[in-house]
Amino acid sequence: MSSPRKTTRPAPAVAKGPSEIAPDVFVGGWKDAVAFAGTRFCVLDELPEGMPPATHVPIYDEATDAPILSNLDRLAKAIGVARGKGESVLVFCGHGVRRSPLAGAWYLHRSEKVTLDEAYHRIQAVRPKVERASDWVGHPEVLDA
Protein backbone atom coordinates (compact mmCIF):
# COMPACT_ATOMS: atom_id res chain seq x y z
CA MET A 1 0.00 0.00 0.00
CA SER A 2 1.48 3.33 -1.00
CA SER A 3 1.30 6.36 1.22
CA PRO A 4 -0.62 9.41 0.06
CA ARG A 5 1.47 11.81 -1.94
CA LYS A 6 2.21 15.02 -0.09
CA THR A 7 1.66 18.17 -2.02
CA THR A 8 3.47 21.30 -1.13
CA ARG A 9 2.49 24.77 -2.03
CA PRO A 10 5.27 26.92 -3.45
CA ALA A 11 6.53 29.62 -1.15
CA PRO A 12 5.47 33.16 -2.04
CA ALA A 13 7.94 35.02 -4.17
CA VAL A 14 10.42 36.97 -2.10
CA ALA A 15 12.18 39.87 -3.71
CA LYS A 16 15.89 39.41 -4.24
CA GLY A 17 17.46 42.81 -4.32
CA PRO A 18 15.73 46.16 -4.47
CA SER A 19 12.34 46.44 -6.17
CA GLU A 20 11.61 49.18 -8.71
CA ILE A 21 8.30 50.84 -7.86
CA ALA A 22 8.58 53.74 -10.32
CA PRO A 23 11.23 54.58 -12.94
CA ASP A 24 14.56 54.51 -11.06
CA VAL A 25 12.85 54.52 -7.63
CA PHE A 26 13.49 51.39 -5.57
CA VAL A 27 12.55 50.02 -2.16
CA GLY A 28 14.55 47.42 -0.31
CA GLY A 29 16.44 46.42 2.80
CA TRP A 30 19.78 47.45 4.22
CA LYS A 31 21.60 44.67 2.32
CA ASP A 32 20.36 46.24 -0.91
CA ALA A 33 21.77 49.60 0.16
CA VAL A 34 25.31 48.24 0.41
CA ALA A 35 25.55 47.58 -3.33
CA PHE A 36 23.21 50.31 -4.60
CA ALA A 37 24.76 52.91 -6.89
CA GLY A 38 22.60 55.97 -6.47
CA THR A 39 20.97 58.10 -3.81
CA ARG A 40 20.08 56.20 -0.64
CA PHE A 41 17.45 57.12 1.93
CA CYS A 42 17.33 55.18 5.20
CA VAL A 43 13.92 55.18 6.89
CA LEU A 44 14.90 53.15 9.95
CA ASP A 45 14.66 54.68 13.41
CA GLU A 46 18.46 54.88 13.49
CA LEU A 47 20.99 54.82 10.68
CA PRO A 48 22.94 51.52 10.81
CA GLU A 49 26.67 51.79 11.39
CA GLY A 50 29.06 50.79 8.65
CA MET A 51 26.63 51.59 5.85
CA PRO A 52 27.42 53.55 2.71
CA PRO A 53 26.36 57.21 2.87
CA ALA A 54 22.59 57.67 3.10
CA THR A 55 20.19 60.42 4.04
CA HIS A 56 18.44 59.40 7.25
CA VAL A 57 14.72 60.17 7.41
CA PRO A 58 12.94 58.19 10.15
CA ILE A 59 9.28 57.78 9.21
CA TYR A 60 7.83 55.91 12.20
CA ASP A 61 7.56 56.99 15.82
CA GLU A 62 7.63 53.92 18.02
CA ALA A 63 6.55 55.89 21.11
CA THR A 64 3.26 56.93 19.49
CA ASP A 65 3.04 53.89 17.18
CA ALA A 66 2.34 56.21 14.27
CA PRO A 67 3.96 57.33 11.02
CA ILE A 68 5.72 60.70 11.02
CA LEU A 69 3.80 62.52 8.28
CA SER A 70 6.14 65.51 8.10
CA ASN A 71 9.08 63.18 7.43
CA LEU A 72 7.12 61.17 4.88
CA ASP A 73 6.38 64.42 3.04
CA ARG A 74 10.00 65.56 3.34
CA LEU A 75 11.18 62.21 1.97
CA ALA A 76 8.72 62.28 -0.95
CA LYS A 77 10.03 65.72 -1.92
CA ALA A 78 13.67 64.61 -1.58
CA ILE A 79 13.03 61.60 -3.82
CA GLY A 80 11.45 63.92 -6.38
CA VAL A 81 14.46 66.24 -6.26
CA ALA A 82 16.90 63.35 -6.74
CA ARG A 83 14.84 61.97 -9.63
CA GLY A 84 14.73 65.48 -11.15
CA LYS A 85 18.53 65.35 -11.24
CA GLY A 86 18.40 61.97 -13.00
CA GLU A 87 19.58 60.02 -9.97
CA SER A 88 18.40 56.51 -9.13
CA VAL A 89 16.93 56.32 -5.64
CA LEU A 90 16.75 53.54 -3.06
CA VAL A 91 14.59 53.86 0.03
CA PHE A 92 15.65 51.20 2.50
CA CYS A 93 14.82 49.85 5.92
CA GLY A 94 15.83 46.63 7.65
CA HIS A 95 14.33 44.03 5.32
CA GLY A 96 12.29 46.05 2.84
CA VAL A 97 8.99 44.79 4.19
CA ARG A 98 7.45 47.58 6.30
CA ARG A 99 9.05 51.01 6.46
CA SER A 100 10.56 51.32 2.99
CA PRO A 101 7.33 50.12 1.29
CA LEU A 102 5.38 52.67 3.37
CA ALA A 103 7.81 55.39 2.25
CA GLY A 104 7.57 54.20 -1.36
CA ALA A 105 3.78 54.12 -1.21
CA TRP A 106 3.76 57.63 0.25
CA TYR A 107 6.05 58.84 -2.54
CA LEU A 108 3.71 57.37 -5.20
CA HIS A 109 0.69 58.78 -3.35
CA ARG A 110 2.17 62.30 -3.32
CA SER A 111 3.97 62.37 -6.67
CA GLU A 112 1.45 60.50 -8.82
CA LYS A 113 -1.70 61.40 -6.89
CA VAL A 114 -2.75 57.75 -6.45
CA THR A 115 -4.41 56.41 -3.32
CA LEU A 116 -2.23 54.63 -0.78
CA ASP A 117 -4.13 51.45 -1.61
CA GLU A 118 -3.23 51.79 -5.31
CA ALA A 119 0.38 52.58 -4.39
CA TYR A 120 0.63 49.47 -2.21
CA HIS A 121 -0.87 47.34 -5.00
CA ARG A 122 1.89 48.55 -7.33
CA ILE A 123 4.58 47.83 -4.78
CA GLN A 124 3.20 44.38 -3.96
CA ALA A 125 3.19 43.55 -7.68
CA VAL A 126 7.01 43.77 -7.68
CA ARG A 127 7.64 42.99 -3.99
CA PRO A 128 4.99 40.54 -2.74
CA LYS A 129 6.28 40.24 0.83
CA VAL A 130 5.21 43.75 1.80
CA GLU A 131 3.20 44.53 4.92
CA ARG A 132 0.80 47.43 4.48
CA ALA A 133 0.94 50.13 7.14
CA SER A 134 -2.60 49.20 8.22
CA ASP A 135 -1.20 45.79 9.25
CA TRP A 136 1.63 46.99 11.48
CA VAL A 137 1.15 50.67 12.44
CA GLY A 138 -0.97 51.25 15.52
CA HIS A 139 -2.49 54.45 14.13
CA PRO A 140 -2.69 54.05 10.35
CA GLU A 141 -5.62 56.50 10.22
CA VAL A 142 -3.13 59.40 10.34
CA LEU A 143 -2.15 58.42 6.79
CA ASP A 144 -5.67 59.32 5.65
CA ALA A 145 -5.25 62.96 6.70
C-alpha atoms as a PDB file:
ATOM      1  CA  MET A   1       0.000   0.000   0.000  1.00  0.00           C
ATOM      2  CA  SER A   2       1.479   3.326  -0.999  1.00  0.00           C
ATOM      3  CA  SER A   3       1.302   6.364   1.223  1.00  0.00           C
ATOM      4  CA  PRO A   4      -0.624   9.410   0.059  1.00  0.00           C
ATOM      5  CA  ARG A   5       1.471  11.807  -1.937  1.00  0.00           C
ATOM      6  CA  LYS A   6       2.211  15.021  -0.094  1.00  0.00           C
ATOM      7  CA  THR A   7       1.660  18.169  -2.019  1.00  0.00           C
ATOM      8  CA  THR A   8       3.470  21.300  -1.134  1.00  0.00           C
ATOM      9  CA  ARG A   9       2.489  24.766  -2.034  1.00  0.00           C
ATOM     10  CA  PRO A  10       5.265  26.925  -3.450  1.00  0.00           C
ATOM     11  CA  ALA A  11       6.530  29.623  -1.149  1.00  0.00           C
ATOM     12  CA  PRO A  12       5.472  33.160  -2.044  1.00  0.00           C
ATOM     13  CA  ALA A  13       7.944  35.018  -4.175  1.00  0.00           C
ATOM     14  CA  VAL A  14      10.420  36.974  -2.099  1.00  0.00           C
ATOM     15  CA  ALA A  15      12.178  39.871  -3.711  1.00  0.00           C
ATOM     16  CA  LYS A  16      15.885  39.413  -4.237  1.00  0.00           C
ATOM     17  CA  GLY A  17      17.465  42.811  -4.317  1.00  0.00           C
ATOM     18  CA  PRO A  18      15.731  46.163  -4.470  1.00  0.00           C
ATOM     19  CA  SER A  19      12.338  46.438  -6.171  1.00  0.00           C
ATOM     20  CA  GLU A  20      11.613  49.175  -8.713  1.00  0.00           C
ATOM     21  CA  ILE A  21       8.299  50.844  -7.855  1.00  0.00           C
ATOM     22  CA  ALA A  22       8.580  53.739 -10.325  1.00  0.00           C
ATOM     23  CA  PRO A  23      11.227  54.582 -12.942  1.00  0.00           C
ATOM     24  CA  ASP A  24      14.556  54.507 -11.056  1.00  0.00           C
ATOM     25  CA  VAL A  25      12.850  54.519  -7.633  1.00  0.00           C
ATOM     26  CA  PHE A  26      13.489  51.388  -5.573  1.00  0.00           C
ATOM     27  CA  VAL A  27      12.546  50.025  -2.164  1.00  0.00           C
ATOM     28  CA  GLY A  28      14.554  47.422  -0.306  1.00  0.00           C
ATOM     29  CA  GLY A  29      16.441  46.418   2.800  1.00  0.00           C
ATOM     30  CA  TRP A  30      19.784  47.445   4.225  1.00  0.00           C
ATOM     31  CA  LYS A  31      21.602  44.668   2.322  1.00  0.00           C
ATOM     32  CA  ASP A  32      20.355  46.240  -0.914  1.00  0.00           C
ATOM     33  CA  ALA A  33      21.773  49.604   0.162  1.00  0.00           C
ATOM     34  CA  VAL A  34      25.307  48.239   0.406  1.00  0.00           C
ATOM     35  CA  ALA A  35      25.552  47.580  -3.328  1.00  0.00           C
ATOM     36  CA  PHE A  36      23.215  50.308  -4.605  1.00  0.00           C
ATOM     37  CA  ALA A  37      24.762  52.907  -6.894  1.00  0.00           C
ATOM     38  CA  GLY A  38      22.603  55.969  -6.470  1.00  0.00           C
ATOM     39  CA  THR A  39      20.972  58.101  -3.806  1.00  0.00           C
ATOM     40  CA  ARG A  40      20.077  56.205  -0.642  1.00  0.00           C
ATOM     41  CA  PHE A  41      17.447  57.124   1.930  1.00  0.00           C
ATOM     42  CA  CYS A  42      17.332  55.184   5.201  1.00  0.00           C
ATOM     43  CA  VAL A  43      13.918  55.182   6.893  1.00  0.00           C
ATOM     44  CA  LEU A  44      14.902  53.154   9.952  1.00  0.00           C
ATOM     45  CA  ASP A  45      14.656  54.682  13.408  1.00  0.00           C
ATOM     46  CA  GLU A  46      18.458  54.878  13.494  1.00  0.00           C
ATOM     47  CA  LEU A  47      20.991  54.815  10.678  1.00  0.00           C
ATOM     48  CA  PRO A  48      22.935  51.524  10.805  1.00  0.00           C
ATOM     49  CA  GLU A  49      26.667  51.790  11.395  1.00  0.00           C
ATOM     50  CA  GLY A  50      29.057  50.789   8.647  1.00  0.00           C
ATOM     51  CA  MET A  51      26.628  51.591   5.845  1.00  0.00           C
ATOM     52  CA  PRO A  52      27.422  53.554   2.711  1.00  0.00           C
ATOM     53  CA  PRO A  53      26.357  57.213   2.873  1.00  0.00           C
ATOM     54  CA  ALA A  54      22.591  57.667   3.102  1.00  0.00           C
ATOM     55  CA  THR A  55      20.190  60.415   4.037  1.00  0.00           C
ATOM     56  CA  HIS A  56      18.444  59.399   7.249  1.00  0.00           C
ATOM     57  CA  VAL A  57      14.718  60.170   7.405  1.00  0.00           C
ATOM     58  CA  PRO A  58      12.940  58.194  10.152  1.00  0.00           C
ATOM     59  CA  ILE A  59       9.278  57.776   9.214  1.00  0.00           C
ATOM     60  CA  TYR A  60       7.828  55.909  12.199  1.00  0.00           C
ATOM     61  CA  ASP A  61       7.561  56.991  15.817  1.00  0.00           C
ATOM     62  CA  GLU A  62       7.631  53.916  18.015  1.00  0.00           C
ATOM     63  CA  ALA A  63       6.548  55.889  21.109  1.00  0.00           C
ATOM     64  CA  THR A  64       3.260  56.933  19.493  1.00  0.00           C
ATOM     65  CA  ASP A  65       3.040  53.890  17.178  1.00  0.00           C
ATOM     66  CA  ALA A  66       2.337  56.205  14.268  1.00  0.00           C
ATOM     67  CA  PRO A  67       3.964  57.328  11.025  1.00  0.00           C
ATOM     68  CA  ILE A  68       5.717  60.697  11.019  1.00  0.00           C
ATOM     69  CA  LEU A  69       3.795  62.522   8.279  1.00  0.00           C
ATOM     70  CA  SER A  70       6.143  65.505   8.100  1.00  0.00           C
ATOM     71  CA  ASN A  71       9.083  63.184   7.432  1.00  0.00           C
ATOM     72  CA  LEU A  72       7.119  61.166   4.879  1.00  0.00           C
ATOM     73  CA  ASP A  73       6.378  64.417   3.038  1.00  0.00           C
ATOM     74  CA  ARG A  74       9.998  65.562   3.339  1.00  0.00           C
ATOM     75  CA  LEU A  75      11.179  62.212   1.971  1.00  0.00           C
ATOM     76  CA  ALA A  76       8.723  62.282  -0.949  1.00  0.00           C
ATOM     77  CA  LYS A  77      10.035  65.725  -1.915  1.00  0.00           C
ATOM     78  CA  ALA A  78      13.667  64.613  -1.584  1.00  0.00           C
ATOM     79  CA  ILE A  79      13.030  61.600  -3.817  1.00  0.00           C
ATOM     80  CA  GLY A  80      11.450  63.917  -6.385  1.00  0.00           C
ATOM     81  CA  VAL A  81      14.465  66.245  -6.259  1.00  0.00           C
ATOM     82  CA  ALA A  82      16.900  63.347  -6.739  1.00  0.00           C
ATOM     83  CA  ARG A  83      14.838  61.975  -9.633  1.00  0.00           C
ATOM     84  CA  GLY A  84      14.728  65.475 -11.152  1.00  0.00           C
ATOM     85  CA  LYS A  85      18.534  65.349 -11.240  1.00  0.00           C
ATOM     86  CA  GLY A  86      18.403  61.974 -13.002  1.00  0.00           C
ATOM     87  CA  GLU A  87      19.579  60.021  -9.966  1.00  0.00           C
ATOM     88  CA  SER A  88      18.400  56.508  -9.134  1.00  0.00           C
ATOM     89  CA  VAL A  89      16.926  56.319  -5.639  1.00  0.00           C
ATOM     90  CA  LEU A  90      16.751  53.545  -3.062  1.00  0.00           C
ATOM     91  CA  VAL A  91      14.586  53.856   0.031  1.00  0.00           C
ATOM     92  CA  PHE A  92      15.655  51.198   2.498  1.00  0.00           C
ATOM     93  CA  CYS A  93      14.820  49.847   5.920  1.00  0.00           C
ATOM     94  CA  GLY A  94      15.832  46.625   7.652  1.00  0.00           C
ATOM     95  CA  HIS A  95      14.332  44.034   5.323  1.00  0.00           C
ATOM     96  CA  GLY A  96      12.291  46.047   2.840  1.00  0.00           C
ATOM     97  CA  VAL A  97       8.988  44.792   4.194  1.00  0.00           C
ATOM     98  CA  ARG A  98       7.454  47.578   6.304  1.00  0.00           C
ATOM     99  CA  ARG A  99       9.048  51.010   6.461  1.00  0.00           C
ATOM    100  CA  SER A 100      10.564  51.315   2.986  1.00  0.00           C
ATOM    101  CA  PRO A 101       7.334  50.120   1.293  1.00  0.00           C
ATOM    102  CA  LEU A 102       5.385  52.666   3.368  1.00  0.00           C
ATOM    103  CA  ALA A 103       7.812  55.388   2.247  1.00  0.00           C
ATOM    104  CA  GLY A 104       7.566  54.205  -1.357  1.00  0.00           C
ATOM    105  CA  ALA A 105       3.784  54.118  -1.211  1.00  0.00           C
ATOM    106  CA  TRP A 106       3.760  57.627   0.251  1.00  0.00           C
ATOM    107  CA  TYR A 107       6.045  58.837  -2.543  1.00  0.00           C
ATOM    108  CA  LEU A 108       3.707  57.369  -5.197  1.00  0.00           C
ATOM    109  CA  HIS A 109       0.690  58.781  -3.346  1.00  0.00           C
ATOM    110  CA  ARG A 110       2.171  62.301  -3.317  1.00  0.00           C
ATOM    111  CA  SER A 111       3.972  62.366  -6.672  1.00  0.00           C
ATOM    112  CA  GLU A 112       1.447  60.503  -8.821  1.00  0.00           C
ATOM    113  CA  LYS A 113      -1.704  61.405  -6.886  1.00  0.00           C
ATOM    114  CA  VAL A 114      -2.750  57.752  -6.451  1.00  0.00           C
ATOM    115  CA  THR A 115      -4.409  56.407  -3.321  1.00  0.00           C
ATOM    116  CA  LEU A 116      -2.231  54.628  -0.782  1.00  0.00           C
ATOM    117  CA  ASP A 117      -4.127  51.450  -1.615  1.00  0.00           C
ATOM    118  CA  GLU A 118      -3.230  51.794  -5.310  1.00  0.00           C
ATOM    119  CA  ALA A 119       0.381  52.575  -4.386  1.00  0.00           C
ATOM    120  CA  TYR A 120       0.629  49.470  -2.205  1.00  0.00           C
ATOM    121  CA  HIS A 121      -0.873  47.339  -5.002  1.00  0.00           C
ATOM    122  CA  ARG A 122       1.886  48.552  -7.331  1.00  0.00           C
ATOM    123  CA  ILE A 123       4.575  47.829  -4.781  1.00  0.00           C
ATOM    124  CA  GLN A 124       3.203  44.382  -3.960  1.00  0.00           C
ATOM    125  CA  ALA A 125       3.191  43.545  -7.677  1.00  0.00           C
ATOM    126  CA  VAL A 126       7.012  43.775  -7.681  1.00  0.00           C
ATOM    127  CA  ARG A 127       7.643  42.993  -3.990  1.00  0.00           C
ATOM    128  CA  PRO A 128       4.992  40.542  -2.741  1.00  0.00           C
ATOM    129  CA  LYS A 129       6.279  40.237   0.828  1.00  0.00           C
ATOM    130  CA  VAL A 130       5.206  43.746   1.799  1.00  0.00           C
ATOM    131  CA  GLU A 131       3.203  44.531   4.924  1.00  0.00           C
ATOM    132  CA  ARG A 132       0.804  47.430   4.480  1.00  0.00           C
ATOM    133  CA  ALA A 133       0.936  50.129   7.144  1.00  0.00           C
ATOM    134  CA  SER A 134      -2.600  49.196   8.218  1.00  0.00           C
ATOM    135  CA  ASP A 135      -1.196  45.786   9.252  1.00  0.00           C
ATOM    136  CA  TRP A 136       1.630  46.995  11.482  1.00  0.00           C
ATOM    137  CA  VAL A 137       1.151  50.671  12.435  1.00  0.00           C
ATOM    138  CA  GLY A 138      -0.969  51.252  15.524  1.00  0.00           C
ATOM    139  CA  HIS A 139      -2.493  54.452  14.127  1.00  0.00           C
ATOM    140  CA  PRO A 140      -2.695  54.048  10.347  1.00  0.00           C
ATOM    141  CA  GLU A 141      -5.616  56.502  10.216  1.00  0.00           C
ATOM    142  CA  VAL A 142      -3.129  59.398  10.338  1.00  0.00           C
ATOM    143  CA  LEU A 143      -2.153  58.418   6.788  1.00  0.00           C
ATOM    144  CA  ASP A 144      -5.667  59.316   5.647  1.00  0.00           C
ATOM    145  CA  ALA A 145      -5.249  62.959   6.703  1.00  0.00           C
END
